[in-house]
PDB file of N, CA and C in Angstrom:
ATOM      1  N   UNK A   1       0.815  -1.194   0.000  1.00  0.00           N
ATOM      2  CA  UNK A   1       0.000   0.000   0.000  1.00  0.00           C
ATOM      3  C   UNK A   1       0.866   1.268   0.000  1.00  0.00           C
ATOM      4  N   UNK A   2       1.957   1.244   0.773  1.00  0.00           N
ATOM      5  CA  UNK A   2       2.817   2.426   0.858  1.00  0.00           C
ATOM      6  C   UNK A   2       3.426   2.755  -0.500  1.00  0.00           C
ATOM      7  N   UNK A   3       3.789   1.730  -1.260  1.00  0.00           N
ATOM      8  CA  UNK A   3       4.359   2.010  -2.584  1.00  0.00           C
ATOM      9  C   UNK A   3       3.331   2.671  -3.496  1.00  0.00           C
ATOM     10  N   UNK A   4       2.074   2.325  -3.361  1.00  0.00           N
ATOM     11  CA  UNK A   4       1.025   2.965  -4.161  1.00  0.00           C
ATOM     12  C   UNK A   4       0.873   4.434  -3.790  1.00  0.00           C
ATOM     13  N   UNK A   5       1.009   4.735  -2.516  1.00  0.00           N
ATOM     14  CA  UNK A   5       0.930   6.131  -2.069  1.00  0.00           C
ATOM     15  C   UNK A   5       2.058   6.938  -2.692  1.00  0.00           C
ATOM     16  N   UNK A   6       3.281   6.409  -2.636  1.00  0.00           N
ATOM     17  CA  UNK A   6       4.418   7.122  -3.216  1.00  0.00           C
ATOM     18  C   UNK A   6       4.314   7.229  -4.734  1.00  0.00           C
ATOM     19  N   UNK A   7       3.911   6.172  -5.392  1.00  0.00           N
ATOM     20  CA  UNK A   7       3.754   6.211  -6.851  1.00  0.00           C
ATOM     21  C   UNK A   7       2.711   7.247  -7.242  1.00  0.00           C
ATOM     22  N   UNK A   8       1.585   7.255  -6.545  1.00  0.00           N
ATOM     23  CA  UNK A   8       0.526   8.225  -6.846  1.00  0.00           C
ATOM     24  C   UNK A   8       1.015   9.642  -6.603  1.00  0.00           C
ATOM     25  N   UNK A   9       1.641   9.869  -5.471  1.00  0.00           N
ATOM     26  CA  UNK A   9       2.134  11.197  -5.127  1.00  0.00           C
ATOM     27  C   UNK A   9       3.145  11.701  -6.149  1.00  0.00           C
ATOM     28  N   UNK A  10       4.131  10.895  -6.455  1.00  0.00           N
ATOM     29  CA  UNK A  10       5.180  11.335  -7.377  1.00  0.00           C
ATOM     30  C   UNK A  10       4.680  11.473  -8.809  1.00  0.00           C
ATOM     31  N   UNK A  11       3.736  10.649  -9.203  1.00  0.00           N
ATOM     32  CA  UNK A  11       3.168  10.782 -10.546  1.00  0.00           C
ATOM     33  C   UNK A  11       2.414  12.090 -10.678  1.00  0.00           C
ATOM     34  N   UNK A  12       1.643  12.431  -9.665  1.00  0.00           N
ATOM     35  CA  UNK A  12       0.911  13.706  -9.710  1.00  0.00           C
ATOM     36  C   UNK A  12       1.890  14.876  -9.692  1.00  0.00           C
ATOM     37  N   UNK A  13       2.986  14.778  -8.922  1.00  0.00           N
ATOM     38  CA  UNK A  13       3.996  15.828  -8.970  1.00  0.00           C
ATOM     39  C   UNK A  13       4.600  15.946 -10.363  1.00  0.00           C
ATOM     40  N   UNK A  14       4.821  14.828 -11.020  1.00  0.00           N
ATOM     41  CA  UNK A  14       5.363  14.862 -12.384  1.00  0.00           C
ATOM     42  C   UNK A  14       4.390  15.539 -13.340  1.00  0.00           C
ATOM     43  N   UNK A  15       3.116  15.235 -13.213  1.00  0.00           N
ATOM     44  CA  UNK A  15       2.096  15.877 -14.062  1.00  0.00           C
ATOM     45  C   UNK A  15       2.072  17.377 -13.790  1.00  0.00           C
ATOM     46  N   UNK A  16       2.059  17.733 -12.494  1.00  0.00           N
ATOM     47  CA  UNK A  16       2.037  19.148 -12.113  1.00  0.00           C
ATOM     48  C   UNK A  16       3.250  19.886 -12.684  1.00  0.00           C
ATOM     49  N   UNK A  17       4.437  19.320 -12.489  1.00  0.00           N
ATOM     50  CA  UNK A  17       5.654  19.981 -12.934  1.00  0.00           C
ATOM     51  C   UNK A  17       5.705  20.107 -14.456  1.00  0.00           C
ATOM     52  N   UNK A  18       5.245  19.085 -15.144  1.00  0.00           N
ATOM     53  CA  UNK A  18       5.315  19.119 -16.609  1.00  0.00           C
ATOM     54  C   UNK A  18       4.398  20.175 -17.209  1.00  0.00           C
ATOM     55  N   UNK A  19       3.425  20.671 -16.430  1.00  0.00           N
ATOM     56  CA  UNK A  19       2.531  21.719 -16.934  1.00  0.00           C
ATOM     57  C   UNK A  19       2.945  23.126 -16.507  1.00  0.00           C
ATOM     58  N   UNK A  20       4.133  23.263 -15.896  1.00  0.00           N
ATOM     59  CA  UNK A  20       4.647  24.585 -15.578  1.00  0.00           C
ATOM     60  C   UNK A  20       5.085  25.283 -16.858  1.00  0.00           C
ATOM     61  N   UNK A  21       5.071  26.598 -16.816  1.00  0.00           N
ATOM     62  CA  UNK A  21       5.505  27.377 -17.969  1.00  0.00           C
ATOM     63  C   UNK A  21       6.949  27.030 -18.312  1.00  0.00           C
ATOM     64  N   UNK A  22       7.205  26.750 -19.580  1.00  0.00           N
ATOM     65  CA  UNK A  22       8.534  26.402 -20.042  1.00  0.00           C
ATOM     66  C   UNK A  22       8.831  24.913 -20.031  1.00  0.00           C
ATOM     67  N   UNK A  23       7.929  24.105 -19.495  1.00  0.00           N
ATOM     68  CA  UNK A  23       8.126  22.660 -19.481  1.00  0.00           C
ATOM     69  C   UNK A  23       7.377  22.022 -20.652  1.00  0.00           C
ATOM     70  N   UNK A  24       7.507  20.719 -20.799  1.00  0.00           N
ATOM     71  CA  UNK A  24       7.020  20.014 -21.978  1.00  0.00           C
ATOM     72  C   UNK A  24       5.512  20.188 -22.209  1.00  0.00           C
ATOM     73  N   UNK A  25       4.728  20.188 -21.149  1.00  0.00           N
ATOM     74  CA  UNK A  25       3.289  20.388 -21.299  1.00  0.00           C
ATOM     75  C   UNK A  25       2.844  21.751 -20.782  1.00  0.00           C
ATOM     76  N   UNK A  26       3.761  22.706 -20.806  1.00  0.00           N
ATOM     77  CA  UNK A  26       3.417  24.067 -20.409  1.00  0.00           C
ATOM     78  C   UNK A  26       2.293  24.645 -21.254  1.00  0.00           C
ATOM     79  N   UNK A  27       2.275  24.250 -22.510  1.00  0.00           N
ATOM     80  CA  UNK A  27       1.201  24.722 -23.402  1.00  0.00           C
ATOM     81  C   UNK A  27      -0.155  24.223 -22.916  1.00  0.00           C
ATOM     82  N   UNK A  28      -0.197  23.013 -22.370  1.00  0.00           N
ATOM     83  CA  UNK A  28      -1.449  22.457 -21.865  1.00  0.00           C
ATOM     84  C   UNK A  28      -1.896  23.201 -20.613  1.00  0.00           C
ATOM     85  N   UNK A  29      -0.958  23.501 -19.725  1.00  0.00           N
ATOM     86  CA  UNK A  29      -1.285  24.296 -18.550  1.00  0.00           C
ATOM     87  C   UNK A  29      -1.826  25.657 -18.928  1.00  0.00           C
ATOM     88  N   UNK A  30      -1.211  26.257 -19.935  1.00  0.00           N
ATOM     89  CA  UNK A  30      -1.672  27.570 -20.407  1.00  0.00           C
ATOM     90  C   UNK A  30      -3.069  27.465 -21.028  1.00  0.00           C
ATOM     91  N   UNK A  31      -3.292  26.408 -21.794  1.00  0.00           N
ATOM     92  CA  UNK A  31      -4.605  26.187 -22.399  1.00  0.00           C
ATOM     93  C   UNK A  31      -5.675  26.020 -21.320  1.00  0.00           C
ATOM     94  N   UNK A  32      -5.374  25.200 -20.315  1.00  0.00           N
ATOM     95  CA  UNK A  32      -6.320  24.991 -19.221  1.00  0.00           C
ATOM     96  C   UNK A  32      -6.569  26.305 -18.498  1.00  0.00           C
ATOM     97  N   UNK A  33      -5.504  27.061 -18.272  1.00  0.00           N
ATOM     98  CA  UNK A  33      -5.630  28.350 -17.588  1.00  0.00           C
ATOM     99  C   UNK A  33      -6.558  29.297 -18.348  1.00  0.00           C
ATOM    100  N   UNK A  34      -6.411  29.319 -19.656  1.00  0.00           N
ATOM    101  CA  UNK A  34      -7.191  30.260 -20.473  1.00  0.00           C
ATOM    102  C   UNK A  34      -8.610  29.800 -20.764  1.00  0.00           C
ATOM    103  N   UNK A  35      -8.906  28.506 -20.606  1.00  0.00           N
ATOM    104  CA  UNK A  35     -10.205  27.981 -21.021  1.00  0.00           C
ATOM    105  C   UNK A  35     -11.028  27.360 -19.897  1.00  0.00           C
ATOM    106  N   UNK A  36     -10.621  27.569 -18.663  1.00  0.00           N
ATOM    107  CA  UNK A  36     -11.395  27.050 -17.542  1.00  0.00           C
ATOM    108  C   UNK A  36     -11.620  28.163 -16.526  1.00  0.00           C
ATOM    109  N   UNK A  37     -12.663  28.041 -15.712  1.00  0.00           N
ATOM    110  CA  UNK A  37     -12.874  29.044 -14.667  1.00  0.00           C
ATOM    111  C   UNK A  37     -11.779  28.959 -13.596  1.00  0.00           C
ATOM    112  N   UNK A  38     -11.589  30.026 -12.881  1.00  0.00           N
ATOM    113  CA  UNK A  38     -10.529  30.111 -11.878  1.00  0.00           C
ATOM    114  C   UNK A  38     -10.618  29.006 -10.837  1.00  0.00           C
ATOM    115  N   UNK A  39     -11.810  28.639 -10.428  1.00  0.00           N
ATOM    116  CA  UNK A  39     -11.955  27.616  -9.395  1.00  0.00           C
ATOM    117  C   UNK A  39     -11.433  26.250  -9.850  1.00  0.00           C
ATOM    118  N   UNK A  40     -11.317  26.036 -11.147  1.00  0.00           N
ATOM    119  CA  UNK A  40     -10.867  24.741 -11.667  1.00  0.00           C
ATOM    120  C   UNK A  40      -9.347  24.656 -11.833  1.00  0.00           C
ATOM    121  N   UNK A  41      -8.638  25.751 -11.665  1.00  0.00           N
ATOM    122  CA  UNK A  41      -7.192  25.743 -11.893  1.00  0.00           C
ATOM    123  C   UNK A  41      -6.452  24.833 -10.923  1.00  0.00           C
ATOM    124  N   UNK A  42      -6.769  24.925  -9.642  1.00  0.00           N
ATOM    125  CA  UNK A  42      -6.045  24.107  -8.654  1.00  0.00           C
ATOM    126  C   UNK A  42      -6.172  22.616  -8.919  1.00  0.00           C
ATOM    127  N   UNK A  43      -7.370  22.066  -9.091  1.00  0.00           N
ATOM    128  CA  UNK A  43      -7.434  20.611  -9.293  1.00  0.00           C
ATOM    129  C   UNK A  43      -6.962  20.150 -10.670  1.00  0.00           C
ATOM    130  N   UNK A  44      -6.877  21.043 -11.638  1.00  0.00           N
ATOM    131  CA  UNK A  44      -6.483  20.623 -12.983  1.00  0.00           C
ATOM    132  C   UNK A  44      -4.985  20.744 -13.263  1.00  0.00           C
ATOM    133  N   UNK A  45      -4.327  21.803 -12.731  1.00  0.00           N
ATOM    134  CA  UNK A  45      -2.914  21.955 -13.066  1.00  0.00           C
ATOM    135  C   UNK A  45      -2.092  22.746 -12.055  1.00  0.00           C
ATOM    136  N   UNK A  46      -2.685  23.362 -11.084  1.00  0.00           N
ATOM    137  CA  UNK A  46      -1.972  24.357 -10.296  1.00  0.00           C
ATOM    138  C   UNK A  46      -1.564  23.917  -8.892  1.00  0.00           C
ATOM    139  N   UNK A  47      -2.105  22.844  -8.373  1.00  0.00           N
ATOM    140  CA  UNK A  47      -1.851  22.470  -6.978  1.00  0.00           C
ATOM    141  C   UNK A  47      -1.651  20.957  -6.866  1.00  0.00           C
ATOM    142  N   UNK A  48      -0.425  20.503  -6.558  1.00  0.00           N
ATOM    143  CA  UNK A  48      -0.176  19.066  -6.477  1.00  0.00           C
ATOM    144  C   UNK A  48      -1.032  18.348  -5.432  1.00  0.00           C
ATOM    145  N   UNK A  49      -1.439  19.052  -4.393  1.00  0.00           N
ATOM    146  CA  UNK A  49      -2.307  18.439  -3.384  1.00  0.00           C
ATOM    147  C   UNK A  49      -3.733  18.315  -3.930  1.00  0.00           C
ATOM    148  N   UNK A  50      -4.226  19.375  -4.544  1.00  0.00           N
ATOM    149  CA  UNK A  50      -5.593  19.385  -5.072  1.00  0.00           C
ATOM    150  C   UNK A  50      -5.761  18.460  -6.277  1.00  0.00           C
ATOM    151  N   UNK A  51      -4.666  18.152  -6.960  1.00  0.00           N
ATOM    152  CA  UNK A  51      -4.725  17.312  -8.153  1.00  0.00           C
ATOM    153  C   UNK A  51      -4.854  15.826  -7.827  1.00  0.00           C
ATOM    154  N   UNK A  52      -4.460  15.428  -6.612  1.00  0.00           N
ATOM    155  CA  UNK A  52      -4.457  14.009  -6.231  1.00  0.00           C
ATOM    156  C   UNK A  52      -5.813  13.333  -6.414  1.00  0.00           C
ATOM    157  N   UNK A  53      -6.925  13.907  -5.923  1.00  0.00           N
ATOM    158  CA  UNK A  53      -8.187  13.172  -6.068  1.00  0.00           C
ATOM    159  C   UNK A  53      -8.567  12.897  -7.525  1.00  0.00           C
ATOM    160  N   UNK A  54      -8.138  13.737  -8.435  1.00  0.00           N
ATOM    161  CA  UNK A  54      -8.522  13.583  -9.843  1.00  0.00           C
ATOM    162  C   UNK A  54      -7.516  12.728 -10.606  1.00  0.00           C
ATOM    163  N   UNK A  55      -6.285  13.211 -10.716  1.00  0.00           N
ATOM    164  CA  UNK A  55      -5.265  12.457 -11.441  1.00  0.00           C
ATOM    165  C   UNK A  55      -4.890  11.175 -10.696  1.00  0.00           C
ATOM    166  N   UNK A  56      -4.845  11.254  -9.375  1.00  0.00           N
ATOM    167  CA  UNK A  56      -4.520  10.080  -8.573  1.00  0.00           C
ATOM    168  C   UNK A  56      -5.552   8.980  -8.708  1.00  0.00           C
ATOM    169  N   UNK A  57      -6.821   9.367  -8.762  1.00  0.00           N
ATOM    170  CA  UNK A  57      -7.882   8.378  -8.942  1.00  0.00           C
ATOM    171  C   UNK A  57      -7.782   7.717 -10.309  1.00  0.00           C
ATOM    172  N   UNK A  58      -7.557   8.518 -11.341  1.00  0.00           N
ATOM    173  CA  UNK A  58      -7.411   7.948 -12.685  1.00  0.00           C
ATOM    174  C   UNK A  58      -6.224   6.985 -12.724  1.00  0.00           C
ATOM    175  N   UNK A  59      -5.108   7.406 -12.154  1.00  0.00           N
ATOM    176  CA  UNK A  59      -3.934   6.539 -12.109  1.00  0.00           C
ATOM    177  C   UNK A  59      -4.225   5.267 -11.326  1.00  0.00           C
ATOM    178  N   UNK A  60      -4.843   5.402 -10.164  1.00  0.00           N
ATOM    179  CA  UNK A  60      -5.112   4.244  -9.327  1.00  0.00           C
ATOM    180  C   UNK A  60      -5.994   3.245 -10.054  1.00  0.00           C
ATOM    181  N   UNK A  61      -7.080   3.713 -10.626  1.00  0.00           N
ATOM    182  CA  UNK A  61      -8.016   2.797 -11.285  1.00  0.00           C
ATOM    183  C   UNK A  61      -7.404   2.160 -12.523  1.00  0.00           C
ATOM    184  N   UNK A  62      -6.565   2.883 -13.244  1.00  0.00           N
ATOM    185  CA  UNK A  62      -5.898   2.293 -14.412  1.00  0.00           C
ATOM    186  C   UNK A  62      -4.844   1.268 -14.006  1.00  0.00           C
ATOM    187  N   UNK A  63      -4.100   1.559 -12.956  1.00  0.00           N
ATOM    188  CA  UNK A  63      -2.998   0.691 -12.568  1.00  0.00           C
ATOM    189  C   UNK A  63      -3.425  -0.491 -11.698  1.00  0.00           C
ATOM    190  N   UNK A  64      -4.360  -0.243 -10.767  1.00  0.00           N
ATOM    191  CA  UNK A  64      -4.669  -1.265  -9.778  1.00  0.00           C
ATOM    192  C   UNK A  64      -6.141  -1.653  -9.722  1.00  0.00           C
ATOM    193  N   UNK A  65      -6.949  -1.126 -10.603  1.00  0.00           N
ATOM    194  CA  UNK A  65      -8.364  -1.488 -10.629  1.00  0.00           C
ATOM    195  C   UNK A  65      -9.194  -0.729  -9.602  1.00  0.00           C
ATOM    196  N   UNK A  66     -10.483  -0.989  -9.631  1.00  0.00           N
ATOM    197  CA  UNK A  66     -11.409  -0.291  -8.748  1.00  0.00           C
ATOM    198  C   UNK A  66     -11.618  -1.122  -7.485  1.00  0.00           C
ATOM    199  N   UNK A  67     -11.012  -0.658  -6.423  1.00  0.00           N
ATOM    200  CA  UNK A  67     -11.208  -1.246  -5.101  1.00  0.00           C
ATOM    201  C   UNK A  67     -11.371  -0.061  -4.151  1.00  0.00           C
ATOM    202  N   UNK A  68     -12.586   0.234  -3.766  1.00  0.00           N
ATOM    203  CA  UNK A  68     -12.907   1.464  -3.046  1.00  0.00           C
ATOM    204  C   UNK A  68     -12.136   1.622  -1.751  1.00  0.00           C
ATOM    205  N   UNK A  69     -11.986   0.565  -0.990  1.00  0.00           N
ATOM    206  CA  UNK A  69     -11.292   0.676   0.289  1.00  0.00           C
ATOM    207  C   UNK A  69      -9.810   0.983   0.090  1.00  0.00           C
ATOM    208  N   UNK A  70      -9.161   0.240  -0.791  1.00  0.00           N
ATOM    209  CA  UNK A  70      -7.739   0.480  -1.035  1.00  0.00           C
ATOM    210  C   UNK A  70      -7.520   1.816  -1.743  1.00  0.00           C
ATOM    211  N   UNK A  71      -8.434   2.194  -2.619  1.00  0.00           N
ATOM    212  CA  UNK A  71      -8.339   3.487  -3.293  1.00  0.00           C
ATOM    213  C   UNK A  71      -8.349   4.610  -2.261  1.00  0.00           C
ATOM    214  N   UNK A  72      -9.289   4.554  -1.337  1.00  0.00           N
ATOM    215  CA  UNK A  72      -9.400   5.583  -0.300  1.00  0.00           C
ATOM    216  C   UNK A  72      -8.166   5.603   0.593  1.00  0.00           C
ATOM    217  N   UNK A  73      -7.643   4.415   0.921  1.00  0.00           N
ATOM    218  CA  UNK A  73      -6.448   4.326   1.756  1.00  0.00           C
ATOM    219  C   UNK A  73      -5.167   4.685   1.006  1.00  0.00           C
ATOM    220  N   UNK A  74      -5.279   4.950  -0.276  1.00  0.00           N
ATOM    221  CA  UNK A  74      -4.136   5.422  -1.060  1.00  0.00           C
ATOM    222  C   UNK A  74      -4.247   6.912  -1.341  1.00  0.00           C
ATOM    223  N   UNK A  75      -5.411   7.366  -1.759  1.00  0.00           N
ATOM    224  CA  UNK A  75      -5.587   8.754  -2.190  1.00  0.00           C
ATOM    225  C   UNK A  75      -5.413   9.735  -1.029  1.00  0.00           C
ATOM    226  N   UNK A  76      -6.031   9.480   0.096  1.00  0.00           N
ATOM    227  CA  UNK A  76      -5.940  10.419   1.216  1.00  0.00           C
ATOM    228  C   UNK A  76      -4.500  10.529   1.750  1.00  0.00           C
ATOM    229  N   UNK A  77      -3.800   9.415   1.985  1.00  0.00           N
ATOM    230  CA  UNK A  77      -2.399   9.558   2.395  1.00  0.00           C
ATOM    231  C   UNK A  77      -1.511  10.194   1.317  1.00  0.00           C
ATOM    232  N   UNK A  78      -1.811   9.967   0.045  1.00  0.00           N
ATOM    233  CA  UNK A  78      -1.033  10.604  -1.025  1.00  0.00           C
ATOM    234  C   UNK A  78      -1.222  12.118  -0.980  1.00  0.00           C
ATOM    235  N   UNK A  79      -2.445  12.555  -0.678  1.00  0.00           N
ATOM    236  CA  UNK A  79      -2.681  13.997  -0.507  1.00  0.00           C
ATOM    237  C   UNK A  79      -1.848  14.518   0.659  1.00  0.00           C
ATOM    238  N   UNK A  80      -1.842  13.779   1.751  1.00  0.00           N
ATOM    239  CA  UNK A  80      -1.045  14.181   2.910  1.00  0.00           C
ATOM    240  C   UNK A  80       0.438  14.231   2.599  1.00  0.00           C
ATOM    241  N   UNK A  81       0.921  13.261   1.848  1.00  0.00           N
ATOM    242  CA  UNK A  81       2.327  13.253   1.454  1.00  0.00           C
ATOM    243  C   UNK A  81       2.655  14.477   0.599  1.00  0.00           C
ATOM    244  N   UNK A  82       1.769  14.830  -0.314  1.00  0.00           N
ATOM    245  CA  UNK A  82       2.000  16.009  -1.139  1.00  0.00           C
ATOM    246  C   UNK A  82       1.976  17.288  -0.310  1.00  0.00           C
ATOM    247  N   UNK A  83       1.137  17.323   0.726  1.00  0.00           N
ATOM    248  CA  UNK A  83       1.150  18.475   1.637  1.00  0.00           C
ATOM    249  C   UNK A  83       2.516  18.581   2.304  1.00  0.00           C
ATOM    250  N   UNK A  84       3.011  17.473   2.819  1.00  0.00           N
ATOM    251  CA  UNK A  84       4.304  17.474   3.511  1.00  0.00           C
ATOM    252  C   UNK A  84       5.408  17.911   2.551  1.00  0.00           C
ATOM    253  N   UNK A  85       5.415  17.374   1.355  1.00  0.00           N
ATOM    254  CA  UNK A  85       6.464  17.720   0.379  1.00  0.00           C
ATOM    255  C   UNK A  85       6.404  19.190   0.014  1.00  0.00           C
ATOM    256  N   UNK A  86       5.206  19.704  -0.264  1.00  0.00           N
ATOM    257  CA  UNK A  86       5.111  21.116  -0.660  1.00  0.00           C
ATOM    258  C   UNK A  86       5.451  22.045   0.496  1.00  0.00           C
ATOM    259  N   UNK A  87       5.175  21.662   1.725  1.00  0.00           N
ATOM    260  CA  UNK A  87       5.508  22.501   2.884  1.00  0.00           C
ATOM    261  C   UNK A  87       7.006  22.495   3.177  1.00  0.00           C
ATOM    262  N   UNK A  88       7.727  21.547   2.647  1.00  0.00           N
ATOM    263  CA  UNK A  88       9.173  21.484   2.863  1.00  0.00           C
ATOM    264  C   UNK A  88       9.938  22.435   1.940  1.00  0.00           C
ATOM    265  N   UNK A  89       9.299  22.919   0.850  1.00  0.00           N
ATOM    266  CA  UNK A  89       9.976  23.844  -0.050  1.00  0.00           C
ATOM    267  C   UNK A  89      10.164  25.195   0.610  1.00  0.00           C
ATOM    268  N   UNK A  90      11.329  25.807   0.408  1.00  0.00           N
ATOM    269  CA  UNK A  90      11.499  27.177   0.897  1.00  0.00           C
ATOM    270  C   UNK A  90      10.537  28.121   0.167  1.00  0.00           C
ATOM    271  N   UNK A  91      10.017  29.086   0.885  1.00  0.00           N
ATOM    272  CA  UNK A  91       9.025  30.004   0.327  1.00  0.00           C
ATOM    273  C   UNK A  91       9.559  30.730  -0.909  1.00  0.00           C
ATOM    274  N   UNK A  92      10.847  31.064  -0.913  1.00  0.00           N
ATOM    275  CA  UNK A  92      11.425  31.778  -2.060  1.00  0.00           C
ATOM    276  C   UNK A  92      11.326  30.955  -3.340  1.00  0.00           C
ATOM    277  N   UNK A  93      11.545  29.638  -3.234  1.00  0.00           N
ATOM    278  CA  UNK A  93      11.472  28.782  -4.413  1.00  0.00           C
ATOM    279  C   UNK A  93      10.048  28.640  -4.926  1.00  0.00           C
ATOM    280  N   UNK A  94       9.101  28.612  -4.042  1.00  0.00           N
ATOM    281  CA  UNK A  94       7.697  28.494  -4.450  1.00  0.00           C
ATOM    282  C   UNK A  94       7.294  29.742  -5.212  1.00  0.00           C
ATOM    283  N   UNK A  95       7.756  30.898  -4.789  1.00  0.00           N
ATOM    284  CA  UNK A  95       7.410  32.152  -5.465  1.00  0.00           C
ATOM    285  C   UNK A  95       8.048  32.268  -6.837  1.00  0.00           C
ATOM    286  N   UNK A  96       9.138  31.511  -7.086  1.00  0.00           N
ATOM    287  CA  UNK A  96       9.832  31.569  -8.377  1.00  0.00           C
ATOM    288  C   UNK A  96       9.052  30.823  -9.460  1.00  0.00           C
ATOM    289  N   UNK A  97       8.247  29.842  -9.054  1.00  0.00           N
ATOM    290  CA  UNK A  97       7.503  29.050 -10.031  1.00  0.00           C
ATOM    291  C   UNK A  97       6.554  29.960 -10.789  1.00  0.00           C
ATOM    292  N   UNK A  98       6.777  30.045 -12.084  1.00  0.00           N
ATOM    293  CA  UNK A  98       5.972  30.944 -12.920  1.00  0.00           C
ATOM    294  C   UNK A  98       4.701  30.261 -13.391  1.00  0.00           C
ATOM    295  N   UNK A  99       3.617  30.948 -13.236  1.00  0.00           N
ATOM    296  CA  UNK A  99       2.357  30.506 -13.803  1.00  0.00           C
ATOM    297  C   UNK A  99       1.924  31.528 -14.820  1.00  0.00           C
ATOM    298  N   UNK A 100       0.899  31.241 -15.518  1.00  0.00           N
ATOM    299  CA  UNK A 100       0.493  32.012 -16.689  1.00  0.00           C
ATOM    300  C   UNK A 100      -0.208  33.291 -16.318  1.00  0.00           C
TER     301      UNK A 100
END
């Protein structure tokens, strides 16, 4: 179970990072930014913690199938792990990340 939490967390971080300006899917992040309401930005491309329930669920169901109990015991801790990781970044580095 712990490996699923780490895989989910790191995969969502990879998706988040790849949609930063100047990265490989930066164009997709910009497209989402320009074509969705503001409230949808965090879960779609802007917040690694907020993205877990959506991208993490898709990843979980594709990789390990639909098992509601194990899914819940993976998604919630993965969100917590992403909170811990993002809180460990120095504030100056977080402010450097450019968004659209």
